[in-house]
Amino acid sequence: QIPPDRYRMHYVKVKVRVHRYLDGRLAIFHGPRRLARYTADGQLQTPELQVVA
């Protein structure tokens, strides 16, 4: 499932793109925004926070 975010509560009937990488990971995009990333075994990856100096 695609997790809800601050832009939409759900993605029912919305066209999304699924990118499959060579190492087996998946990423789901709606337009230019990445909605979710999944590991090769299907586990949702949480986004890492970047520290800006």
Protein backbone atom coordinates (compact mmCIF):
# COMPACT_ATOMS: atom_id res chain seq x y z
CA GLN A 1 0.00 0.00 0.00
CA ILE A 2 1.02 3.57 -0.58
CA PRO A 3 1.24 5.43 2.74
CA PRO A 4 -0.74 8.70 3.13
CA ASP A 5 1.22 11.93 3.03
CA ARG A 6 0.55 15.62 3.58
CA TYR A 7 -0.58 16.15 -0.03
CA ARG A 8 -3.20 13.39 -0.34
CA MET A 9 -4.89 11.04 2.10
CA HIS A 10 -5.14 8.26 -0.50
CA TYR A 11 -4.15 7.50 -4.06
CA VAL A 12 -7.27 5.65 -5.24
CA LYS A 13 -7.68 5.81 -9.05
CA VAL A 14 -4.50 7.86 -9.46
CA LYS A 15 -1.92 6.89 -12.07
CA VAL A 16 1.48 6.36 -10.50
CA ARG A 17 4.85 5.27 -11.89
CA VAL A 18 6.72 2.35 -10.37
CA HIS A 19 10.50 2.31 -10.78
CA ARG A 20 12.27 -1.00 -10.30
CA TYR A 21 15.99 -0.68 -9.69
CA LEU A 22 18.66 -3.24 -10.57
CA ASP A 23 19.15 -4.29 -6.94
CA GLY A 24 15.43 -5.14 -6.57
CA ARG A 25 14.25 -1.99 -4.78
CA LEU A 26 11.03 -0.25 -5.83
CA ALA A 27 9.99 3.39 -5.78
CA ILE A 28 6.51 4.80 -6.46
CA PHE A 29 6.10 8.27 -7.99
CA HIS A 30 3.09 10.54 -8.56
CA GLY A 31 4.32 13.20 -10.95
CA PRO A 32 7.71 14.45 -9.74
CA ARG A 33 7.09 13.38 -6.11
CA ARG A 34 8.35 10.09 -4.74
CA LEU A 35 5.59 8.60 -2.64
CA ALA A 36 7.31 5.55 -1.20
CA ARG A 37 10.41 3.39 -1.39
CA TYR A 38 10.46 -0.35 -0.78
CA THR A 39 13.31 -2.76 -0.19
CA ALA A 40 13.82 -5.80 -2.40
CA ASP A 41 11.80 -7.95 0.04
CA GLY A 42 8.83 -5.52 0.05
CA GLN A 43 9.43 -3.63 3.29
CA LEU A 44 8.62 0.09 3.30
CA GLN A 45 11.74 2.23 3.76
CA THR A 46 11.39 5.27 5.96
CA PRO A 47 12.98 8.45 4.61
CA GLU A 48 16.28 9.48 6.12
CA LEU A 49 16.51 13.00 7.41
CA GLN A 50 19.35 15.02 5.97
CA VAL A 51 21.27 17.45 8.16
CA VAL A 52 21.91 20.82 6.55
CA ALA A 53 24.95 22.63 7.92
